[in-house]
N, C-alpha and C. Protein backbone atom coordinates (compact mmCIF):
# COMPACT_ATOMS: atom_id res chain seq x y z
N MET A 1 0.82 -1.18 0.00
CA MET A 1 0.00 0.00 0.00
C MET A 1 0.87 1.25 0.00
N ALA A 2 1.92 1.23 0.79
CA ALA A 2 2.80 2.40 0.86
C ALA A 2 3.57 2.57 -0.43
N SER A 3 3.93 1.48 -1.08
CA SER A 3 4.69 1.57 -2.32
C SER A 3 3.84 2.14 -3.45
N ASP A 4 2.50 1.87 -3.44
CA ASP A 4 1.61 2.44 -4.46
C ASP A 4 1.56 3.96 -4.32
N HIS A 5 1.52 4.44 -3.10
CA HIS A 5 1.50 5.89 -2.85
C HIS A 5 2.82 6.53 -3.30
N ALA A 6 3.92 5.85 -3.04
CA ALA A 6 5.22 6.38 -3.45
C ALA A 6 5.34 6.45 -4.97
N VAL A 7 4.79 5.47 -5.67
CA VAL A 7 4.83 5.48 -7.13
C VAL A 7 3.97 6.62 -7.67
N ASP A 8 2.79 6.85 -7.06
CA ASP A 8 1.92 7.94 -7.49
C ASP A 8 2.60 9.29 -7.29
N VAL A 9 3.24 9.48 -6.13
CA VAL A 9 3.92 10.74 -5.85
C VAL A 9 5.07 10.96 -6.82
N THR A 10 5.83 9.91 -7.09
CA THR A 10 6.96 10.02 -8.01
C THR A 10 6.46 10.33 -9.43
N THR A 11 5.39 9.69 -9.86
CA THR A 11 4.82 9.94 -11.18
C THR A 11 4.30 11.36 -11.28
N ASP A 12 3.60 11.83 -10.24
CA ASP A 12 3.09 13.20 -10.24
C ASP A 12 4.24 14.20 -10.27
N HIS A 13 5.28 13.92 -9.51
CA HIS A 13 6.44 14.82 -9.46
C HIS A 13 7.13 14.86 -10.82
N ALA A 14 7.27 13.73 -11.46
CA ALA A 14 7.91 13.67 -12.79
C ALA A 14 7.06 14.42 -13.82
N ALA A 15 5.74 14.29 -13.74
CA ALA A 15 4.86 15.00 -14.67
C ALA A 15 4.96 16.51 -14.46
N GLU A 16 5.08 16.93 -13.19
CA GLU A 16 5.21 18.36 -12.90
C GLU A 16 6.54 18.90 -13.42
N ILE A 17 7.59 18.14 -13.27
CA ILE A 17 8.90 18.55 -13.80
C ILE A 17 8.85 18.64 -15.32
N ASP A 18 8.21 17.68 -15.96
CA ASP A 18 8.07 17.72 -17.42
C ASP A 18 7.32 18.96 -17.87
N LYS A 19 6.30 19.35 -17.11
CA LYS A 19 5.53 20.55 -17.46
C LYS A 19 6.43 21.78 -17.41
N TYR A 20 7.23 21.91 -16.37
CA TYR A 20 8.12 23.07 -16.24
C TYR A 20 9.22 23.06 -17.30
N VAL A 21 9.72 21.89 -17.63
CA VAL A 21 10.74 21.81 -18.67
C VAL A 21 10.16 22.25 -20.01
N ARG A 22 8.93 21.85 -20.32
CA ARG A 22 8.28 22.31 -21.55
C ARG A 22 8.11 23.82 -21.56
N ILE A 23 7.73 24.39 -20.42
CA ILE A 23 7.59 25.85 -20.33
C ILE A 23 8.93 26.52 -20.58
N TYR A 24 9.99 26.04 -19.94
CA TYR A 24 11.32 26.64 -20.12
C TYR A 24 11.80 26.52 -21.56
N ILE A 25 11.55 25.40 -22.18
CA ILE A 25 11.95 25.23 -23.58
C ILE A 25 11.16 26.18 -24.48
N THR A 26 9.87 26.33 -24.21
CA THR A 26 9.05 27.26 -24.99
C THR A 26 9.55 28.69 -24.84
N VAL A 27 9.87 29.10 -23.62
CA VAL A 27 10.40 30.44 -23.39
C VAL A 27 11.75 30.60 -24.08
N PHE A 28 12.59 29.59 -24.02
CA PHE A 28 13.89 29.65 -24.70
C PHE A 28 13.71 29.83 -26.20
N VAL A 29 12.79 29.08 -26.79
CA VAL A 29 12.54 29.20 -28.23
C VAL A 29 12.01 30.60 -28.55
N ALA A 30 11.12 31.11 -27.71
CA ALA A 30 10.61 32.48 -27.92
C ALA A 30 11.73 33.51 -27.85
N LEU A 31 12.65 33.34 -26.91
CA LEU A 31 13.78 34.26 -26.80
C LEU A 31 14.67 34.18 -28.04
N MET A 32 14.89 32.98 -28.55
CA MET A 32 15.71 32.84 -29.76
C MET A 32 15.02 33.47 -30.96
N VAL A 33 13.71 33.28 -31.09
CA VAL A 33 12.96 33.89 -32.19
C VAL A 33 13.03 35.41 -32.09
N LEU A 34 12.87 35.94 -30.89
CA LEU A 34 12.93 37.40 -30.71
C LEU A 34 14.34 37.93 -30.98
N THR A 35 15.36 37.15 -30.68
CA THR A 35 16.73 37.55 -31.02
C THR A 35 16.90 37.60 -32.53
N ILE A 36 16.35 36.63 -33.23
CA ILE A 36 16.42 36.64 -34.69
C ILE A 36 15.65 37.83 -35.25
N VAL A 37 14.50 38.16 -34.64
CA VAL A 37 13.73 39.33 -35.07
C VAL A 37 14.56 40.60 -34.87
N THR A 38 15.26 40.71 -33.76
CA THR A 38 16.10 41.88 -33.50
C THR A 38 17.18 42.01 -34.56
N VAL A 39 17.84 40.93 -34.89
CA VAL A 39 18.90 40.96 -35.91
C VAL A 39 18.30 41.28 -37.27
N ALA A 40 17.15 40.70 -37.59
CA ALA A 40 16.51 40.96 -38.88
C ALA A 40 16.10 42.42 -39.02
N VAL A 41 15.57 43.00 -37.96
CA VAL A 41 15.16 44.41 -38.00
C VAL A 41 16.38 45.30 -38.20
N SER A 42 17.50 44.93 -37.61
CA SER A 42 18.70 45.74 -37.78
C SER A 42 19.21 45.70 -39.23
N ARG A 43 18.90 44.65 -39.96
CA ARG A 43 19.33 44.51 -41.35
C ARG A 43 18.43 45.27 -42.33
N PHE A 44 17.23 45.68 -41.89
CA PHE A 44 16.30 46.38 -42.77
C PHE A 44 16.64 47.85 -42.97
N HIS A 45 17.52 48.39 -42.14
CA HIS A 45 17.91 49.81 -42.21
C HIS A 45 16.69 50.72 -42.16
N LEU A 46 15.87 50.50 -41.15
CA LEU A 46 14.68 51.33 -40.92
C LEU A 46 15.11 52.71 -40.44
N PRO A 47 14.20 53.69 -40.54
CA PRO A 47 14.51 54.99 -39.93
C PRO A 47 14.80 54.82 -38.44
N LEU A 48 15.68 55.63 -37.92
CA LEU A 48 16.17 55.46 -36.56
C LEU A 48 15.06 55.40 -35.51
N PRO A 49 14.06 56.31 -35.52
CA PRO A 49 13.02 56.21 -34.48
C PRO A 49 12.24 54.90 -34.53
N ILE A 50 11.97 54.41 -35.72
CA ILE A 50 11.22 53.16 -35.84
C ILE A 50 12.10 51.99 -35.41
N ALA A 51 13.37 52.00 -35.80
CA ALA A 51 14.28 50.92 -35.43
C ALA A 51 14.45 50.86 -33.91
N VAL A 52 14.60 52.02 -33.28
CA VAL A 52 14.75 52.05 -31.82
C VAL A 52 13.47 51.59 -31.14
N SER A 53 12.33 52.00 -31.67
CA SER A 53 11.04 51.59 -31.08
C SER A 53 10.86 50.08 -31.16
N VAL A 54 11.16 49.51 -32.31
CA VAL A 54 11.03 48.06 -32.48
C VAL A 54 12.02 47.33 -31.57
N ALA A 55 13.25 47.83 -31.51
CA ALA A 55 14.26 47.19 -30.65
C ALA A 55 13.84 47.26 -29.18
N LEU A 56 13.31 48.40 -28.74
CA LEU A 56 12.86 48.51 -27.35
C LEU A 56 11.66 47.61 -27.08
N LEU A 57 10.76 47.47 -28.04
CA LEU A 57 9.61 46.59 -27.87
C LEU A 57 10.07 45.14 -27.72
N VAL A 58 10.97 44.71 -28.60
CA VAL A 58 11.47 43.33 -28.53
C VAL A 58 12.24 43.12 -27.23
N ALA A 59 13.06 44.10 -26.83
CA ALA A 59 13.81 43.97 -25.58
C ALA A 59 12.88 43.91 -24.37
N THR A 60 11.80 44.66 -24.41
CA THR A 60 10.83 44.63 -23.31
C THR A 60 10.16 43.26 -23.21
N ILE A 61 9.79 42.71 -24.35
CA ILE A 61 9.16 41.38 -24.35
C ILE A 61 10.15 40.34 -23.85
N LYS A 62 11.40 40.40 -24.33
CA LYS A 62 12.40 39.43 -23.90
C LYS A 62 12.69 39.57 -22.40
N GLY A 63 12.82 40.79 -21.93
CA GLY A 63 13.05 41.01 -20.50
C GLY A 63 11.89 40.51 -19.65
N SER A 64 10.68 40.71 -20.14
CA SER A 64 9.50 40.23 -19.42
C SER A 64 9.49 38.70 -19.34
N LEU A 65 9.83 38.06 -20.44
CA LEU A 65 9.88 36.59 -20.43
C LEU A 65 10.92 36.08 -19.44
N VAL A 66 12.09 36.69 -19.45
CA VAL A 66 13.14 36.27 -18.51
C VAL A 66 12.71 36.50 -17.08
N ALA A 67 12.16 37.68 -16.80
CA ALA A 67 11.74 37.99 -15.43
C ALA A 67 10.61 37.08 -14.97
N CYS A 68 9.65 36.85 -15.83
CA CYS A 68 8.48 36.05 -15.42
C CYS A 68 8.81 34.58 -15.22
N TYR A 69 9.58 34.00 -16.12
CA TYR A 69 9.76 32.56 -16.07
C TYR A 69 11.08 32.13 -15.43
N PHE A 70 12.19 32.73 -15.83
CA PHE A 70 13.46 32.29 -15.28
C PHE A 70 13.71 32.85 -13.88
N MET A 71 13.13 34.01 -13.58
CA MET A 71 13.26 34.58 -12.24
C MET A 71 12.03 34.25 -11.38
N HIS A 72 11.08 33.51 -11.95
CA HIS A 72 9.89 33.01 -11.24
C HIS A 72 9.01 34.13 -10.70
N LEU A 73 8.96 35.27 -11.37
CA LEU A 73 8.11 36.37 -10.91
C LEU A 73 6.65 36.18 -11.32
N ILE A 74 6.39 35.25 -12.21
CA ILE A 74 5.02 35.04 -12.66
C ILE A 74 4.14 34.47 -11.54
N SER A 75 4.75 33.84 -10.55
CA SER A 75 3.96 33.25 -9.47
C SER A 75 4.15 34.00 -8.14
N GLU A 76 4.62 35.22 -8.21
CA GLU A 76 4.87 35.98 -6.98
C GLU A 76 3.60 36.67 -6.48
N LYS A 77 3.70 37.23 -5.31
CA LYS A 77 2.59 37.92 -4.68
C LYS A 77 2.42 39.32 -5.27
N LYS A 78 1.35 39.99 -4.86
CA LYS A 78 1.03 41.32 -5.40
C LYS A 78 2.07 42.37 -5.03
N LEU A 79 2.77 42.21 -3.94
CA LEU A 79 3.78 43.19 -3.54
C LEU A 79 4.88 43.29 -4.60
N ILE A 80 5.26 42.17 -5.15
CA ILE A 80 6.30 42.17 -6.19
C ILE A 80 5.80 42.97 -7.40
N TYR A 81 4.53 42.79 -7.76
CA TYR A 81 3.99 43.53 -8.90
C TYR A 81 3.94 45.02 -8.62
N ALA A 82 3.64 45.40 -7.39
CA ALA A 82 3.63 46.82 -7.03
C ALA A 82 5.03 47.41 -7.15
N VAL A 83 6.02 46.71 -6.67
CA VAL A 83 7.41 47.19 -6.77
C VAL A 83 7.82 47.26 -8.24
N LEU A 84 7.44 46.26 -9.02
CA LEU A 84 7.76 46.25 -10.44
C LEU A 84 7.07 47.42 -11.16
N ALA A 85 5.83 47.70 -10.83
CA ALA A 85 5.11 48.81 -11.46
C ALA A 85 5.76 50.15 -11.12
N ILE A 86 6.14 50.33 -9.87
CA ILE A 86 6.80 51.57 -9.46
C ILE A 86 8.14 51.72 -10.19
N THR A 87 8.88 50.64 -10.29
CA THR A 87 10.16 50.67 -11.01
C THR A 87 9.95 51.01 -12.48
N ALA A 88 8.95 50.41 -13.10
CA ALA A 88 8.65 50.70 -14.51
C ALA A 88 8.23 52.15 -14.69
N PHE A 89 7.46 52.68 -13.76
CA PHE A 89 7.04 54.08 -13.84
C PHE A 89 8.24 55.02 -13.79
N PHE A 90 9.13 54.80 -12.83
CA PHE A 90 10.30 55.67 -12.73
C PHE A 90 11.25 55.49 -13.91
N PHE A 91 11.37 54.28 -14.42
CA PHE A 91 12.19 54.05 -15.60
C PHE A 91 11.62 54.83 -16.79
N ALA A 92 10.31 54.75 -16.98
CA ALA A 92 9.67 55.48 -18.08
C ALA A 92 9.85 56.99 -17.90
N ALA A 93 9.71 57.47 -16.66
CA ALA A 93 9.90 58.90 -16.40
C ALA A 93 11.33 59.32 -16.72
N LEU A 94 12.30 58.51 -16.37
CA LEU A 94 13.70 58.85 -16.66
C LEU A 94 14.00 58.78 -18.15
N MET A 95 13.28 57.97 -18.90
CA MET A 95 13.47 57.91 -20.34
C MET A 95 12.79 59.09 -21.04
N VAL A 96 11.65 59.52 -20.52
CA VAL A 96 10.89 60.60 -21.15
C VAL A 96 11.46 61.97 -20.80
N LEU A 97 11.98 62.13 -19.61
CA LEU A 97 12.46 63.43 -19.16
C LEU A 97 13.52 64.03 -20.08
N PRO A 98 14.56 63.33 -20.47
CA PRO A 98 15.52 63.94 -21.41
C PRO A 98 14.90 64.26 -22.77
N ALA A 99 13.97 63.43 -23.23
CA ALA A 99 13.33 63.69 -24.52
C ALA A 99 12.51 64.97 -24.46
N ILE A 100 11.83 65.20 -23.36
CA ILE A 100 11.01 66.40 -23.22
C ILE A 100 11.90 67.64 -23.13
N THR A 101 12.92 67.58 -22.31
CA THR A 101 13.77 68.77 -22.14
C THR A 101 14.63 69.02 -23.38
N HIS A 102 14.98 67.99 -24.11
CA HIS A 102 15.80 68.18 -25.31
C HIS A 102 14.97 68.73 -26.47
N SER A 103 13.72 68.32 -26.59
CA SER A 103 12.91 68.73 -27.74
C SER A 103 12.59 70.21 -27.74
N ASN A 104 12.40 70.83 -26.58
CA ASN A 104 12.10 72.26 -26.56
C ASN A 104 13.33 73.10 -26.23
N GLY A 105 14.45 72.49 -25.97
CA GLY A 105 15.67 73.22 -25.70
C GLY A 105 15.69 73.91 -24.36
N PHE A 106 14.82 73.49 -23.44
CA PHE A 106 14.72 74.18 -22.13
C PHE A 106 16.05 74.15 -21.40
N TRP A 107 16.71 73.04 -21.42
CA TRP A 107 17.96 72.93 -20.66
C TRP A 107 19.08 73.76 -21.28
N ILE A 108 19.02 74.01 -22.59
CA ILE A 108 20.03 74.84 -23.25
C ILE A 108 19.76 76.31 -22.98
N HIS A 109 18.48 76.73 -23.14
CA HIS A 109 18.12 78.14 -22.96
C HIS A 109 18.24 78.57 -21.52
N GLY A 110 18.09 77.64 -20.58
CA GLY A 110 18.20 77.99 -19.17
C GLY A 110 19.62 78.34 -18.76
N LEU A 111 20.60 77.84 -19.48
CA LEU A 111 22.00 78.10 -19.13
C LEU A 111 22.50 79.45 -19.63
N HIS A 112 22.02 79.88 -20.79
CA HIS A 112 22.51 81.12 -21.41
C HIS A 112 21.37 82.12 -21.53
N PRO A 113 21.36 83.15 -20.68
CA PRO A 113 20.24 84.12 -20.72
C PRO A 113 20.22 84.99 -21.93
């Protein structure tokens, strides 16, 4: 009776490991495809703003896949998501701030009256 339970637990454990291995392989394949997309986009010689936008989009997707699956953030509590959202907000603010100040020349005109 005890050996039947041990076989069931071992079989369930092996099935669970197989499920995670399939997920990791799928994520790995997605990362490789996105890497190929990044290289392909660089070969198209797109206008710079479009090329940067596509590269940032692909990098964001790849970073999200790594964070969610390889760093196991997909199964974390809500506090982790709150910290991640705050970090993303400040990152976006730091990316937008130079673009805003550079486009109107505020930082240049403020130095020379």
